[in-house]
Amino acid sequence: MRPSKYDWKRLDPRVDAMLAEGMRVTQVAQALEMRVQTVRDRLSYRRRRPPQDAPKPAPPPLIDRSCLNCGAGFSVRSPFLRLCPTCRAEC
């Protein structure tokens, strides 16, 4: 992947400040001497990605199951697993 033409770590706060002041995307692009589509693409990219410091979702709780093949008890996170790890390895 090619490195970015712009230093977005430095530019993102400036773009946010300009937008908070009420400037339009076209005005922000002109102030930063960029193409309008470049600024729009960056804003779209940032909306799609969660922030780096956002908490990760908790994993689903463990479910206690008994194997449909051998009857042994085991715990899994997915409700779709019905065979114990040993029986799954043998299949």
PDB file of N, CA and C in Angstrom:
ATOM      1  N   MET A   1       0.835  -1.174   0.000  1.00  0.00           N
ATOM      2  CA  MET A   1       0.000   0.000   0.000  1.00  0.00           C
ATOM      3  C   MET A   1       0.885   1.243   0.000  1.00  0.00           C
ATOM      4  N   ARG A   2       0.501   2.199  -0.803  1.00  0.00           N
ATOM      5  CA  ARG A   2       1.254   3.438  -0.909  1.00  0.00           C
ATOM      6  C   ARG A   2       1.061   4.309   0.323  1.00  0.00           C
ATOM      7  N   PRO A   3       2.104   4.981   0.773  1.00  0.00           N
ATOM      8  CA  PRO A   3       1.918   5.905   1.904  1.00  0.00           C
ATOM      9  C   PRO A   3       1.040   7.078   1.474  1.00  0.00           C
ATOM     10  N   SER A   4       0.351   7.644   2.428  1.00  0.00           N
ATOM     11  CA  SER A   4      -0.554   8.755   2.156  1.00  0.00           C
ATOM     12  C   SER A   4       0.212   9.992   1.712  1.00  0.00           C
ATOM     13  N   LYS A   5      -0.398  10.739   0.819  1.00  0.00           N
ATOM     14  CA  LYS A   5       0.210  11.975   0.331  1.00  0.00           C
ATOM     15  C   LYS A   5       0.171  13.052   1.410  1.00  0.00           C
ATOM     16  N   TYR A   6      -0.803  12.940   2.319  1.00  0.00           N
ATOM     17  CA  TYR A   6      -0.991  13.948   3.358  1.00  0.00           C
ATOM     18  C   TYR A   6      -0.733  13.354   4.734  1.00  0.00           C
ATOM     19  N   ASP A   7      -0.287  14.183   5.642  1.00  0.00           N
ATOM     20  CA  ASP A   7      -0.085  13.780   7.035  1.00  0.00           C
ATOM     21  C   ASP A   7      -1.408  13.983   7.778  1.00  0.00           C
ATOM     22  N   TRP A   8      -2.242  12.948   7.774  1.00  0.00           N
ATOM     23  CA  TRP A   8      -3.582  13.078   8.332  1.00  0.00           C
ATOM     24  C   TRP A   8      -3.591  13.205   9.847  1.00  0.00           C
ATOM     25  N   LYS A   9      -2.551  12.726  10.513  1.00  0.00           N
ATOM     26  CA  LYS A   9      -2.486  12.904  11.967  1.00  0.00           C
ATOM     27  C   LYS A   9      -2.421  14.386  12.323  1.00  0.00           C
ATOM     28  N   ARG A  10      -1.794  15.147  11.474  1.00  0.00           N
ATOM     29  CA  ARG A  10      -1.679  16.582  11.690  1.00  0.00           C
ATOM     30  C   ARG A  10      -2.887  17.325  11.125  1.00  0.00           C
ATOM     31  N   LEU A  11      -3.426  16.838  10.004  1.00  0.00           N
ATOM     32  CA  LEU A  11      -4.506  17.541   9.327  1.00  0.00           C
ATOM     33  C   LEU A  11      -5.884  17.277   9.921  1.00  0.00           C
ATOM     34  N   ASP A  12      -6.119  16.086  10.469  1.00  0.00           N
ATOM     35  CA  ASP A  12      -7.445  15.752  11.008  1.00  0.00           C
ATOM     36  C   ASP A  12      -7.934  16.760  12.051  1.00  0.00           C
ATOM     37  N   PRO A  13      -7.108  17.145  13.038  1.00  0.00           N
ATOM     38  CA  PRO A  13      -7.598  18.147  13.996  1.00  0.00           C
ATOM     39  C   PRO A  13      -7.931  19.494  13.345  1.00  0.00           C
ATOM     40  N   ARG A  14      -7.154  19.885  12.334  1.00  0.00           N
ATOM     41  CA  ARG A  14      -7.442  21.146  11.633  1.00  0.00           C
ATOM     42  C   ARG A  14      -8.761  21.061  10.880  1.00  0.00           C
ATOM     43  N   VAL A  15      -8.984  19.931  10.214  1.00  0.00           N
ATOM     44  CA  VAL A  15     -10.239  19.742   9.486  1.00  0.00           C
ATOM     45  C   VAL A  15     -11.408  19.772  10.464  1.00  0.00           C
ATOM     46  N   ASP A  16     -11.277  19.077  11.587  1.00  0.00           N
ATOM     47  CA  ASP A  16     -12.342  19.063  12.596  1.00  0.00           C
ATOM     48  C   ASP A  16     -12.637  20.462  13.115  1.00  0.00           C
ATOM     49  N   ALA A  17     -11.593  21.231  13.359  1.00  0.00           N
ATOM     50  CA  ALA A  17     -11.777  22.597  13.870  1.00  0.00           C
ATOM     51  C   ALA A  17     -12.494  23.467  12.839  1.00  0.00           C
ATOM     52  N   MET A  18     -12.105  23.338  11.580  1.00  0.00           N
ATOM     53  CA  MET A  18     -12.748  24.138  10.538  1.00  0.00           C
ATOM     54  C   MET A  18     -14.215  23.758  10.367  1.00  0.00           C
ATOM     55  N   LEU A  19     -14.498  22.485  10.410  1.00  0.00           N
ATOM     56  CA  LEU A  19     -15.887  22.043  10.296  1.00  0.00           C
ATOM     57  C   LEU A  19     -16.702  22.493  11.506  1.00  0.00           C
ATOM     58  N   ALA A  20     -16.091  22.482  12.691  1.00  0.00           N
ATOM     59  CA  ALA A  20     -16.785  22.927  13.909  1.00  0.00           C
ATOM     60  C   ALA A  20     -17.101  24.428  13.834  1.00  0.00           C
ATOM     61  N   GLU A  21     -16.270  25.180  13.124  1.00  0.00           N
ATOM     62  CA  GLU A  21     -16.523  26.615  12.948  1.00  0.00           C
ATOM     63  C   GLU A  21     -17.670  26.879  11.986  1.00  0.00           C
ATOM     64  N   GLY A  22     -18.102  25.835  11.270  1.00  0.00           N
ATOM     65  CA  GLY A  22     -19.207  25.998  10.333  1.00  0.00           C
ATOM     66  C   GLY A  22     -18.791  26.076   8.883  1.00  0.00           C
ATOM     67  N   MET A  23     -17.515  25.848   8.616  1.00  0.00           N
ATOM     68  CA  MET A  23     -17.052  25.871   7.234  1.00  0.00           C
ATOM     69  C   MET A  23     -17.590  24.654   6.499  1.00  0.00           C
ATOM     70  N   ARG A  24     -17.831  24.814   5.210  1.00  0.00           N
ATOM     71  CA  ARG A  24     -18.251  23.696   4.368  1.00  0.00           C
ATOM     72  C   ARG A  24     -17.022  22.908   3.925  1.00  0.00           C
ATOM     73  N   VAL A  25     -17.279  21.702   3.462  1.00  0.00           N
ATOM     74  CA  VAL A  25     -16.174  20.839   3.025  1.00  0.00           C
ATOM     75  C   VAL A  25     -15.399  21.502   1.892  1.00  0.00           C
ATOM     76  N   THR A  26     -16.102  22.166   0.996  1.00  0.00           N
ATOM     77  CA  THR A  26     -15.407  22.840  -0.114  1.00  0.00           C
ATOM     78  C   THR A  26     -14.497  23.951   0.396  1.00  0.00           C
ATOM     79  N   GLN A  27     -14.945  24.672   1.416  1.00  0.00           N
ATOM     80  CA  GLN A  27     -14.118  25.744   1.985  1.00  0.00           C
ATOM     81  C   GLN A  27     -12.912  25.165   2.717  1.00  0.00           C
ATOM     82  N   VAL A  28     -13.105  24.039   3.404  1.00  0.00           N
ATOM     83  CA  VAL A  28     -11.990  23.379   4.097  1.00  0.00           C
ATOM     84  C   VAL A  28     -10.948  22.941   3.081  1.00  0.00           C
ATOM     85  N   ALA A  29     -11.412  22.356   1.989  1.00  0.00           N
ATOM     86  CA  ALA A  29     -10.489  21.893   0.946  1.00  0.00           C
ATOM     87  C   ALA A  29      -9.702  23.062   0.351  1.00  0.00           C
ATOM     88  N   GLN A  30     -10.362  24.166   0.117  1.00  0.00           N
ATOM     89  CA  GLN A  30      -9.669  25.341  -0.426  1.00  0.00           C
ATOM     90  C   GLN A  30      -8.647  25.874   0.565  1.00  0.00           C
ATOM     91  N   ALA A  31      -9.009  25.903   1.852  1.00  0.00           N
ATOM     92  CA  ALA A  31      -8.089  26.416   2.867  1.00  0.00           C
ATOM     93  C   ALA A  31      -6.849  25.528   2.997  1.00  0.00           C
ATOM     94  N   LEU A  32      -7.030  24.225   2.812  1.00  0.00           N
ATOM     95  CA  LEU A  32      -5.905  23.291   2.936  1.00  0.00           C
ATOM     96  C   LEU A  32      -5.225  23.017   1.593  1.00  0.00           C
ATOM     97  N   GLU A  33      -5.715  23.668   0.527  1.00  0.00           N
ATOM     98  CA  GLU A  33      -5.174  23.489  -0.824  1.00  0.00           C
ATOM     99  C   GLU A  33      -5.200  22.028  -1.240  1.00  0.00           C
ATOM    100  N   MET A  34      -6.393  21.430  -1.114  1.00  0.00           N
ATOM    101  CA  MET A  34      -6.619  20.032  -1.498  1.00  0.00           C
ATOM    102  C   MET A  34      -7.822  19.966  -2.422  1.00  0.00           C
ATOM    103  N   ARG A  35      -7.972  18.811  -3.042  1.00  0.00           N
ATOM    104  CA  ARG A  35      -9.193  18.557  -3.801  1.00  0.00           C
ATOM    105  C   ARG A  35     -10.333  18.310  -2.821  1.00  0.00           C
ATOM    106  N   VAL A  36     -11.529  18.726  -3.198  1.00  0.00           N
ATOM    107  CA  VAL A  36     -12.702  18.552  -2.342  1.00  0.00           C
ATOM    108  C   VAL A  36     -12.958  17.063  -2.103  1.00  0.00           C
ATOM    109  N   GLN A  37     -12.800  16.257  -3.139  1.00  0.00           N
ATOM    110  CA  GLN A  37     -13.072  14.826  -3.010  1.00  0.00           C
ATOM    111  C   GLN A  37     -12.102  14.163  -2.038  1.00  0.00           C
ATOM    112  N   THR A  38     -10.897  14.660  -1.927  1.00  0.00           N
ATOM    113  CA  THR A  38      -9.928  14.117  -0.975  1.00  0.00           C
ATOM    114  C   THR A  38     -10.424  14.304   0.453  1.00  0.00           C
ATOM    115  N   VAL A  39     -10.936  15.482   0.753  1.00  0.00           N
ATOM    116  CA  VAL A  39     -11.450  15.757   2.099  1.00  0.00           C
ATOM    117  C   VAL A  39     -12.697  14.921   2.358  1.00  0.00           C
ATOM    118  N   ARG A  40     -13.583  14.834   1.366  1.00  0.00           N
ATOM    119  CA  ARG A  40     -14.793  14.013   1.525  1.00  0.00           C
ATOM    120  C   ARG A  40     -14.439  12.552   1.761  1.00  0.00           C
ATOM    121  N   ASP A  41     -13.481  12.035   1.015  1.00  0.00           N
ATOM    122  CA  ASP A  41     -13.061  10.641   1.184  1.00  0.00           C
ATOM    123  C   ASP A  41     -12.493  10.399   2.580  1.00  0.00           C
ATOM    124  N   ARG A  42     -11.698  11.343   3.060  1.00  0.00           N
ATOM    125  CA  ARG A  42     -11.117  11.188   4.399  1.00  0.00           C
ATOM    126  C   ARG A  42     -12.203  11.194   5.475  1.00  0.00           C
ATOM    127  N   LEU A  43     -13.164  12.087   5.356  1.00  0.00           N
ATOM    128  CA  LEU A  43     -14.252  12.134   6.331  1.00  0.00           C
ATOM    129  C   LEU A  43     -15.082  10.850   6.293  1.00  0.00           C
ATOM    130  N   SER A  44     -15.312  10.328   5.110  1.00  0.00           N
ATOM    131  CA  SER A  44     -16.041   9.069   4.974  1.00  0.00           C
ATOM    132  C   SER A  44     -15.261   7.919   5.606  1.00  0.00           C
ATOM    133  N   TYR A  45     -13.959   7.894   5.374  1.00  0.00           N
ATOM    134  CA  TYR A  45     -13.095   6.859   5.945  1.00  0.00           C
ATOM    135  C   TYR A  45     -13.123   6.907   7.469  1.00  0.00           C
ATOM    136  N   ARG A  46     -13.069   8.114   8.025  1.00  0.00           N
ATOM    137  CA  ARG A  46     -13.071   8.250   9.487  1.00  0.00           C
ATOM    138  C   ARG A  46     -14.410   7.842  10.092  1.00  0.00           C
ATOM    139  N   ARG A  47     -15.506   8.054   9.373  1.00  0.00           N
ATOM    140  CA  ARG A  47     -16.818   7.634   9.886  1.00  0.00           C
ATOM    141  C   ARG A  47     -16.927   6.118   9.925  1.00  0.00           C
ATOM    142  N   ARG A  48     -16.301   5.444   8.969  1.00  0.00           N
ATOM    143  CA  ARG A  48     -16.382   3.986   8.899  1.00  0.00           C
ATOM    144  C   ARG A  48     -15.522   3.287   9.947  1.00  0.00           C
ATOM    145  N   ARG A  49     -14.442   3.896  10.366  1.00  0.00           N
ATOM    146  CA  ARG A  49     -13.518   3.264  11.307  1.00  0.00           C
ATOM    147  C   ARG A  49     -13.791   3.746  12.723  1.00  0.00           C
ATOM    148  N   PRO A  50     -13.858   2.835  13.696  1.00  0.00           N
ATOM    149  CA  PRO A  50     -14.028   3.271  15.086  1.00  0.00           C
ATOM    150  C   PRO A  50     -12.743   3.936  15.582  1.00  0.00           C
ATOM    151  N   PRO A  51     -12.850   4.833  16.539  1.00  0.00           N
ATOM    152  CA  PRO A  51     -11.641   5.473  17.075  1.00  0.00           C
ATOM    153  C   PRO A  51     -10.704   4.446  17.701  1.00  0.00           C
ATOM    154  N   GLN A  52      -9.412   4.767  17.712  1.00  0.00           N
ATOM    155  CA  GLN A  52      -8.403   3.848  18.244  1.00  0.00           C
ATOM    156  C   GLN A  52      -8.631   3.552  19.717  1.00  0.00           C
ATOM    157  N   ASP A  53      -9.146   4.535  20.468  1.00  0.00           N
ATOM    158  CA  ASP A  53      -9.312   4.351  21.904  1.00  0.00           C
ATOM    159  C   ASP A  53     -10.700   3.830  22.276  1.00  0.00           C
ATOM    160  N   ALA A  54     -11.515   3.462  21.279  1.00  0.00           N
ATOM    161  CA  ALA A  54     -12.854   2.948  21.558  1.00  0.00           C
ATOM    162  C   ALA A  54     -12.747   1.575  22.233  1.00  0.00           C
ATOM    163  N   PRO A  55     -13.586   1.320  23.225  1.00  0.00           N
ATOM    164  CA  PRO A  55     -13.525   0.023  23.885  1.00  0.00           C
ATOM    165  C   PRO A  55     -13.989  -1.084  22.939  1.00  0.00           C
ATOM    166  N   LYS A  56     -13.316  -2.209  23.009  1.00  0.00           N
ATOM    167  CA  LYS A  56     -13.683  -3.348  22.176  1.00  0.00           C
ATOM    168  C   LYS A  56     -14.889  -4.039  22.807  1.00  0.00           C
ATOM    169  N   PRO A  57     -15.769  -4.582  21.978  1.00  0.00           N
ATOM    170  CA  PRO A  57     -16.932  -5.258  22.539  1.00  0.00           C
ATOM    171  C   PRO A  57     -16.516  -6.494  23.340  1.00  0.00           C
ATOM    172  N   ALA A  58     -17.268  -6.764  24.383  1.00  0.00           N
ATOM    173  CA  ALA A  58     -16.971  -7.920  25.229  1.00  0.00           C
ATOM    174  C   ALA A  58     -17.266  -9.200  24.458  1.00  0.00           C
ATOM    175  N   PRO A  59     -16.440 -10.235  24.644  1.00  0.00           N
ATOM    176  CA  PRO A  59     -16.723 -11.494  23.956  1.00  0.00           C
ATOM    177  C   PRO A  59     -18.016 -12.103  24.501  1.00  0.00           C
ATOM    178  N   PRO A  60     -18.689 -12.892  23.687  1.00  0.00           N
ATOM    179  CA  PRO A  60     -19.924 -13.504  24.171  1.00  0.00           C
ATOM    180  C   PRO A  60     -19.635 -14.439  25.349  1.00  0.00           C
ATOM    181  N   PRO A  61     -20.604 -14.613  26.236  1.00  0.00           N
ATOM    182  CA  PRO A  61     -20.372 -15.475  27.401  1.00  0.00           C
ATOM    183  C   PRO A  61     -20.223 -16.944  26.990  1.00  0.00           C
ATOM    184  N   LEU A  62     -19.578 -17.704  27.858  1.00  0.00           N
ATOM    185  CA  LEU A  62     -19.417 -19.133  27.602  1.00  0.00           C
ATOM    186  C   LEU A  62     -20.761 -19.846  27.782  1.00  0.00           C
ATOM    187  N   ILE A  63     -20.988 -20.824  26.934  1.00  0.00           N
ATOM    188  CA  ILE A  63     -22.212 -21.630  26.988  1.00  0.00           C
ATOM    189  C   ILE A  63     -21.806 -23.048  27.335  1.00  0.00           C
ATOM    190  N   ASP A  64     -22.458 -23.623  28.326  1.00  0.00           N
ATOM    191  CA  ASP A  64     -22.195 -25.015  28.692  1.00  0.00           C
ATOM    192  C   ASP A  64     -23.021 -25.926  27.792  1.00  0.00           C
ATOM    193  N   ARG A  65     -22.353 -26.898  27.192  1.00  0.00           N
ATOM    194  CA  ARG A  65     -22.988 -27.836  26.278  1.00  0.00           C
ATOM    195  C   ARG A  65     -22.603 -29.254  26.641  1.00  0.00           C
ATOM    196  N   SER A  66     -23.374 -30.187  26.139  1.00  0.00           N
ATOM    197  CA  SER A  66     -22.968 -31.587  26.184  1.00  0.00           C
ATOM    198  C   SER A  66     -22.895 -32.049  24.733  1.00  0.00           C
ATOM    199  N   CYS A  67     -21.854 -32.773  24.420  1.00  0.00           N
ATOM    200  CA  CYS A  67     -21.561 -33.199  23.050  1.00  0.00           C
ATOM    201  C   CYS A  67     -22.673 -34.114  22.531  1.00  0.00           C
ATOM    202  N   LEU A  68     -23.104 -33.880  21.309  1.00  0.00           N
ATOM    203  CA  LEU A  68     -24.131 -34.718  20.695  1.00  0.00           C
ATOM    204  C   LEU A  68     -23.580 -36.075  20.288  1.00  0.00           C
ATOM    205  N   ASN A  69     -22.261 -36.200  20.192  1.00  0.00           N
ATOM    206  CA  ASN A  69     -21.656 -37.448  19.763  1.00  0.00           C
ATOM    207  C   ASN A  69     -21.281 -38.330  20.950  1.00  0.00           C
ATOM    208  N   CYS A  70     -20.516 -37.796  21.898  1.00  0.00           N
ATOM    209  CA  CYS A  70     -20.024 -38.614  23.005  1.00  0.00           C
ATOM    210  C   CYS A  70     -20.669 -38.276  24.343  1.00  0.00           C
ATOM    211  N   GLY A  71     -21.376 -37.154  24.429  1.00  0.00           N
ATOM    212  CA  GLY A  71     -22.056 -36.779  25.668  1.00  0.00           C
ATOM    213  C   GLY A  71     -21.186 -36.030  26.670  1.00  0.00           C
ATOM    214  N   ALA A  72     -19.935 -35.783  26.347  1.00  0.00           N
ATOM    215  CA  ALA A  72     -19.038 -35.080  27.270  1.00  0.00           C
ATOM    216  C   ALA A  72     -19.446 -33.608  27.388  1.00  0.00           C
ATOM    217  N   GLY A  73     -19.247 -33.033  28.566  1.00  0.00           N
ATOM    218  CA  GLY A  73     -19.551 -31.627  28.780  1.00  0.00           C
ATOM    219  C   GLY A  73     -18.398 -30.745  28.319  1.00  0.00           C
ATOM    220  N   PHE A  74     -18.717 -29.591  27.753  1.00  0.00           N
ATOM    221  CA  PHE A  74     -17.695 -28.642  27.321  1.00  0.00           C
ATOM    222  C   PHE A  74     -18.321 -27.254  27.262  1.00  0.00           C
ATOM    223  N   SER A  75     -17.485 -26.212  27.231  1.00  0.00           N
ATOM    224  CA  SER A  75     -17.949 -24.830  27.165  1.00  0.00           C
ATOM    225  C   SER A  75     -17.459 -24.184  25.878  1.00  0.00           C
ATOM    226  N   VAL A  76     -18.343 -23.436  25.237  1.00  0.00           N
ATOM    227  CA  VAL A  76     -18.014 -22.753  23.982  1.00  0.00           C
ATOM    228  C   VAL A  76     -18.615 -21.356  23.988  1.00  0.00           C
ATOM    229  N   ARG A  77     -18.132 -20.500  23.096  1.00  0.00           N
ATOM    230  CA  ARG A  77     -18.678 -19.148  22.963  1.00  0.00           C
ATOM    231  C   ARG A  77     -19.759 -19.077  21.887  1.00  0.00           C
ATOM    232  N   SER A  78     -19.786 -20.004  20.969  1.00  0.00           N
ATOM    233  CA  SER A  78     -20.754 -19.993  19.876  1.00  0.00           C
ATOM    234  C   SER A  78     -21.928 -20.921  20.194  1.00  0.00           C
ATOM    235  N   PRO A  79     -23.149 -20.475  19.974  1.00  0.00           N
ATOM    236  CA  PRO A  79     -24.288 -21.349  20.218  1.00  0.00           C
ATOM    237  C   PRO A  79     -24.454 -22.427  19.147  1.00  0.00           C
ATOM    238  N   PHE A  80     -23.657 -22.378  18.099  1.00  0.00           N
ATOM    239  CA  PHE A  80     -23.803 -23.311  16.997  1.00  0.00           C
ATOM    240  C   PHE A  80     -22.920 -24.547  17.124  1.00  0.00           C
ATOM    241  N   LEU A  81     -21.949 -24.525  18.041  1.00  0.00           N
ATOM    242  CA  LEU A  81     -21.072 -25.681  18.205  1.00  0.00           C
ATOM    243  C   LEU A  81     -21.748 -26.700  19.116  1.00  0.00           C
ATOM    244  N   ARG A  82     -21.961 -27.901  18.604  1.00  0.00           N
ATOM    245  CA  ARG A  82     -22.650 -28.935  19.367  1.00  0.00           C
ATOM    246  C   ARG A  82     -21.770 -30.156  19.625  1.00  0.00           C
ATOM    247  N   LEU A  83     -20.577 -30.186  19.011  1.00  0.00           N
ATOM    248  CA  LEU A  83     -19.648 -31.289  19.234  1.00  0.00           C
ATOM    249  C   LEU A  83     -18.463 -30.787  20.047  1.00  0.00           C
ATOM    250  N   CYS A  84     -17.960 -31.620  20.963  1.00  0.00           N
ATOM    251  CA  CYS A  84     -16.801 -31.245  21.771  1.00  0.00           C
ATOM    252  C   CYS A  84     -15.568 -31.154  20.878  1.00  0.00           C
ATOM    253  N   PRO A  85     -14.518 -30.490  21.338  1.00  0.00           N
ATOM    254  CA  PRO A  85     -13.311 -30.343  20.514  1.00  0.00           C
ATOM    255  C   PRO A  85     -12.729 -31.691  20.059  1.00  0.00           C
ATOM    256  N   THR A  86     -12.792 -32.707  20.913  1.00  0.00           N
ATOM    257  CA  THR A  86     -12.262 -34.019  20.543  1.00  0.00           C
ATOM    258  C   THR A  86     -13.036 -34.614  19.372  1.00  0.00           C
ATOM    259  N   CYS A  87     -14.364 -34.587  19.450  1.00  0.00           N
ATOM    260  CA  CYS A  87     -15.183 -35.151  18.367  1.00  0.00           C
ATOM    261  C   CYS A  87     -15.062 -34.317  17.097  1.00  0.00           C
ATOM    262  N   ARG A  88     -14.907 -32.993  17.227  1.00  0.00           N
ATOM    263  CA  ARG A  88     -14.728 -32.162  16.034  1.00  0.00           C
ATOM    264  C   ARG A  88     -13.400 -32.478  15.347  1.00  0.00           C
ATOM    265  N   ALA A  89     -12.369 -32.783  16.133  1.00  0.00           N
ATOM    266  CA  ALA A  89     -11.058 -33.103  15.552  1.00  0.00           C
ATOM    267  C   ALA A  89     -11.083 -34.436  14.813  1.00  0.00           C
ATOM    268  N   GLU A  90     -11.940 -35.341  15.255  1.00  0.00           N
ATOM    269  CA  GLU A  90     -12.028 -36.675  14.639  1.00  0.00           C
ATOM    270  C   GLU A  90     -12.821 -36.657  13.350  1.00  0.00           C
ATOM    271  N   CYS A  91     -13.700 -35.672  13.143  1.00  0.00           N
ATOM    272  CA  CYS A  91     -14.559 -35.630  11.946  1.00  0.00           C
ATOM    273  C   CYS A  91     -13.787 -35.296  10.700  1.00  0.00           C
TER     274      CYS A  91
END
